[in-house]
């Protein structure tokens, strides 16, 4: 696990209250966690603050948040912009 992945896992856990994310496989579908829309918004805001990125409306497409790997890769891409 790299530093970004560890931070993303902690943010998801803190935003959603779902402990399972700590041991969640990076390729597993995030929908398996059952994150509701309010928790998702909290997660997105926390990701923006932690990584100093801004998600545009079109960034919030489910493909960018499909798995932990997708989220980590997306954050890395946004951070380079």
N, C-alpha and C. Protein backbone atom coordinates (compact mmCIF):
# COMPACT_ATOMS: atom_id res chain seq x y z
N UNK A 1 0.84 -1.19 0.00
CA UNK A 1 0.00 0.00 0.00
C UNK A 1 0.88 1.24 0.00
N UNK A 2 0.56 2.17 -0.88
CA UNK A 2 1.32 3.42 -0.87
C UNK A 2 0.62 4.45 0.02
N UNK A 3 1.27 5.58 0.22
CA UNK A 3 0.76 6.60 1.13
C UNK A 3 -0.60 7.14 0.70
N UNK A 4 -0.79 7.32 -0.61
CA UNK A 4 -2.08 7.83 -1.09
C UNK A 4 -3.19 6.84 -0.78
N UNK A 5 -2.95 5.58 -1.02
CA UNK A 5 -3.97 4.56 -0.75
C UNK A 5 -4.32 4.51 0.73
N UNK A 6 -3.33 4.60 1.58
CA UNK A 6 -3.58 4.58 3.03
C UNK A 6 -4.44 5.77 3.43
N UNK A 7 -4.12 6.96 2.90
CA UNK A 7 -4.91 8.15 3.21
C UNK A 7 -6.34 8.02 2.70
N UNK A 8 -6.49 7.49 1.48
CA UNK A 8 -7.83 7.32 0.90
C UNK A 8 -8.64 6.36 1.76
N UNK A 9 -8.05 5.26 2.18
CA UNK A 9 -8.77 4.30 3.03
C UNK A 9 -9.24 4.97 4.34
N UNK A 10 -8.35 5.75 4.96
CA UNK A 10 -8.71 6.43 6.21
C UNK A 10 -9.83 7.44 5.99
N UNK A 11 -9.75 8.17 4.88
CA UNK A 11 -10.78 9.17 4.58
C UNK A 11 -12.13 8.48 4.37
N UNK A 12 -12.13 7.39 3.62
CA UNK A 12 -13.39 6.67 3.40
C UNK A 12 -13.94 6.13 4.71
N UNK A 13 -13.08 5.57 5.53
CA UNK A 13 -13.51 5.04 6.83
C UNK A 13 -14.09 6.16 7.69
N UNK A 14 -13.39 7.28 7.77
CA UNK A 14 -13.85 8.39 8.61
C UNK A 14 -15.12 9.05 8.06
N UNK A 15 -15.26 9.09 6.74
CA UNK A 15 -16.43 9.73 6.12
C UNK A 15 -17.68 8.86 6.16
N UNK A 16 -17.46 7.56 6.12
CA UNK A 16 -18.60 6.64 6.03
C UNK A 16 -18.86 5.86 7.30
N UNK A 17 -17.84 5.74 8.15
CA UNK A 17 -17.97 4.92 9.35
C UNK A 17 -17.86 3.43 9.06
N UNK A 18 -17.46 3.09 7.86
CA UNK A 18 -17.37 1.68 7.45
C UNK A 18 -15.94 1.20 7.69
N UNK A 19 -15.77 0.37 8.72
CA UNK A 19 -14.46 -0.15 9.10
C UNK A 19 -13.88 -1.09 8.04
N UNK A 20 -14.75 -1.79 7.34
CA UNK A 20 -14.35 -2.80 6.36
C UNK A 20 -13.41 -2.26 5.29
N UNK A 21 -13.46 -0.98 5.03
CA UNK A 21 -12.65 -0.39 3.96
C UNK A 21 -11.15 -0.52 4.23
N UNK A 22 -10.76 -0.66 5.47
CA UNK A 22 -9.34 -0.78 5.82
C UNK A 22 -8.73 -2.04 5.19
N UNK A 23 -9.50 -3.13 5.12
CA UNK A 23 -9.02 -4.38 4.54
C UNK A 23 -9.64 -4.69 3.19
N UNK A 24 -10.31 -3.74 2.61
CA UNK A 24 -11.03 -3.90 1.35
C UNK A 24 -10.05 -4.07 0.19
N UNK A 25 -10.26 -5.05 -0.66
CA UNK A 25 -9.40 -5.26 -1.83
C UNK A 25 -9.48 -4.04 -2.75
N UNK A 26 -8.34 -3.60 -3.26
CA UNK A 26 -8.29 -2.37 -4.06
C UNK A 26 -9.09 -2.44 -5.36
N UNK A 27 -9.35 -3.64 -5.84
CA UNK A 27 -10.09 -3.77 -7.10
C UNK A 27 -11.58 -4.07 -6.89
N UNK A 28 -11.97 -4.29 -5.66
CA UNK A 28 -13.37 -4.61 -5.36
C UNK A 28 -14.26 -3.40 -5.58
N UNK A 29 -15.46 -3.63 -6.07
CA UNK A 29 -16.41 -2.56 -6.37
C UNK A 29 -16.81 -1.84 -5.08
N UNK A 30 -16.69 -0.52 -5.09
CA UNK A 30 -17.02 0.27 -3.91
C UNK A 30 -18.50 0.17 -3.53
N UNK A 31 -19.34 -0.16 -4.49
CA UNK A 31 -20.76 -0.31 -4.19
C UNK A 31 -20.99 -1.41 -3.16
N UNK A 32 -20.05 -2.35 -3.05
CA UNK A 32 -20.17 -3.43 -2.06
C UNK A 32 -20.16 -2.89 -0.63
N UNK A 33 -19.64 -1.68 -0.45
CA UNK A 33 -19.61 -1.07 0.89
C UNK A 33 -20.95 -0.44 1.27
N UNK A 34 -21.79 -0.18 0.28
CA UNK A 34 -23.09 0.40 0.56
C UNK A 34 -23.03 1.85 1.02
N UNK A 35 -22.14 2.63 0.44
CA UNK A 35 -21.98 4.04 0.82
C UNK A 35 -23.18 4.83 0.29
N UNK A 36 -23.84 5.56 1.19
CA UNK A 36 -24.99 6.37 0.77
C UNK A 36 -24.52 7.72 0.23
N UNK A 37 -25.44 8.48 -0.32
CA UNK A 37 -25.08 9.73 -1.00
C UNK A 37 -24.48 10.77 -0.05
N UNK A 38 -24.96 10.85 1.16
CA UNK A 38 -24.42 11.82 2.11
C UNK A 38 -22.99 11.45 2.49
N UNK A 39 -22.75 10.18 2.74
CA UNK A 39 -21.39 9.71 3.07
C UNK A 39 -20.46 9.93 1.88
N UNK A 40 -20.99 9.75 0.67
CA UNK A 40 -20.18 9.96 -0.54
C UNK A 40 -19.75 11.42 -0.63
N UNK A 41 -20.67 12.33 -0.38
CA UNK A 41 -20.34 13.75 -0.42
C UNK A 41 -19.29 14.10 0.63
N UNK A 42 -19.44 13.57 1.83
CA UNK A 42 -18.46 13.80 2.89
C UNK A 42 -17.08 13.28 2.46
N UNK A 43 -17.09 12.12 1.83
CA UNK A 43 -15.86 11.51 1.37
C UNK A 43 -15.20 12.40 0.31
N UNK A 44 -15.96 12.88 -0.65
CA UNK A 44 -15.43 13.71 -1.72
C UNK A 44 -14.83 15.00 -1.15
N UNK A 45 -15.54 15.64 -0.24
CA UNK A 45 -15.05 16.88 0.39
C UNK A 45 -13.75 16.61 1.14
N UNK A 46 -13.70 15.51 1.86
CA UNK A 46 -12.48 15.16 2.62
C UNK A 46 -11.32 14.86 1.69
N UNK A 47 -11.60 14.17 0.58
CA UNK A 47 -10.55 13.89 -0.41
C UNK A 47 -10.01 15.20 -1.00
N UNK A 48 -10.91 16.13 -1.31
CA UNK A 48 -10.49 17.42 -1.86
C UNK A 48 -9.58 18.16 -0.87
N UNK A 49 -9.97 18.17 0.39
CA UNK A 49 -9.18 18.88 1.40
C UNK A 49 -7.83 18.22 1.61
N UNK A 50 -7.83 16.91 1.76
CA UNK A 50 -6.58 16.19 2.05
C UNK A 50 -5.57 16.30 0.92
N UNK A 51 -6.05 16.15 -0.31
CA UNK A 51 -5.14 16.12 -1.45
C UNK A 51 -5.06 17.45 -2.20
N UNK A 52 -5.77 18.46 -1.67
CA UNK A 52 -5.75 19.81 -2.27
C UNK A 52 -6.07 19.78 -3.76
N UNK A 53 -7.17 19.08 -4.07
CA UNK A 53 -7.68 19.00 -5.43
C UNK A 53 -9.12 19.47 -5.43
N UNK A 54 -9.63 19.79 -6.59
CA UNK A 54 -11.03 20.16 -6.73
C UNK A 54 -11.67 19.24 -7.75
N UNK A 55 -12.75 18.62 -7.35
CA UNK A 55 -13.50 17.77 -8.26
C UNK A 55 -14.56 18.60 -8.95
N UNK A 56 -14.53 18.58 -10.26
CA UNK A 56 -15.57 19.24 -11.04
C UNK A 56 -16.77 18.30 -11.10
N UNK A 57 -17.91 18.82 -11.51
CA UNK A 57 -19.12 18.02 -11.57
C UNK A 57 -18.92 16.75 -12.40
N UNK A 58 -18.28 16.87 -13.55
CA UNK A 58 -18.09 15.69 -14.40
C UNK A 58 -17.07 14.71 -13.81
N UNK A 59 -16.26 15.13 -12.84
CA UNK A 59 -15.32 14.23 -12.16
C UNK A 59 -16.04 13.25 -11.25
N UNK A 60 -17.25 13.59 -10.85
CA UNK A 60 -17.98 12.77 -9.89
C UNK A 60 -18.67 11.57 -10.54
N UNK A 61 -18.27 11.26 -11.74
CA UNK A 61 -18.77 10.09 -12.46
C UNK A 61 -18.39 8.83 -11.69
N UNK A 62 -19.28 7.86 -11.66
CA UNK A 62 -19.04 6.65 -10.87
C UNK A 62 -17.79 5.89 -11.31
N UNK A 63 -17.35 6.04 -12.54
CA UNK A 63 -16.16 5.31 -12.99
C UNK A 63 -14.91 5.76 -12.24
N UNK A 64 -14.87 6.99 -11.78
CA UNK A 64 -13.72 7.49 -11.03
C UNK A 64 -13.73 6.99 -9.58
N UNK A 65 -14.85 6.47 -9.12
CA UNK A 65 -15.00 6.02 -7.74
C UNK A 65 -15.42 4.55 -7.67
N UNK A 66 -15.18 3.80 -8.73
CA UNK A 66 -15.64 2.42 -8.81
C UNK A 66 -14.93 1.50 -7.81
N UNK A 67 -13.65 1.71 -7.59
CA UNK A 67 -12.87 0.89 -6.65
C UNK A 67 -11.84 1.79 -5.97
N UNK A 68 -11.20 1.26 -4.96
CA UNK A 68 -10.13 2.01 -4.30
C UNK A 68 -9.03 2.35 -5.30
N UNK A 69 -8.72 1.42 -6.17
CA UNK A 69 -7.69 1.67 -7.19
C UNK A 69 -8.10 2.82 -8.10
N UNK A 70 -9.36 2.86 -8.51
CA UNK A 70 -9.84 3.96 -9.34
C UNK A 70 -9.70 5.29 -8.61
N UNK A 71 -10.06 5.31 -7.35
CA UNK A 71 -9.99 6.55 -6.57
C UNK A 71 -8.53 7.01 -6.43
N UNK A 72 -7.65 6.09 -6.06
CA UNK A 72 -6.23 6.43 -5.89
C UNK A 72 -5.65 6.94 -7.21
N UNK A 73 -5.93 6.24 -8.31
CA UNK A 73 -5.43 6.67 -9.62
C UNK A 73 -5.99 8.04 -10.00
N UNK A 74 -7.27 8.24 -9.73
CA UNK A 74 -7.92 9.51 -10.06
C UNK A 74 -7.31 10.65 -9.24
N UNK A 75 -7.09 10.43 -7.95
CA UNK A 75 -6.47 11.44 -7.09
C UNK A 75 -5.08 11.77 -7.61
N UNK A 76 -4.34 10.76 -7.99
CA UNK A 76 -2.98 10.98 -8.52
C UNK A 76 -3.02 11.83 -9.78
N UNK A 77 -3.97 11.55 -10.65
CA UNK A 77 -4.13 12.32 -11.89
C UNK A 77 -4.49 13.77 -11.58
N UNK A 78 -5.45 13.96 -10.66
CA UNK A 78 -5.89 15.31 -10.29
C UNK A 78 -4.77 16.09 -9.63
N UNK A 79 -3.96 15.43 -8.84
CA UNK A 79 -2.87 16.09 -8.13
C UNK A 79 -1.79 16.60 -9.07
N UNK A 80 -1.66 15.95 -10.22
CA UNK A 80 -0.64 16.36 -11.19
C UNK A 80 -1.08 17.53 -12.05
N UNK A 81 -2.35 17.87 -12.04
CA UNK A 81 -2.87 18.95 -12.89
C UNK A 81 -2.55 20.31 -12.33
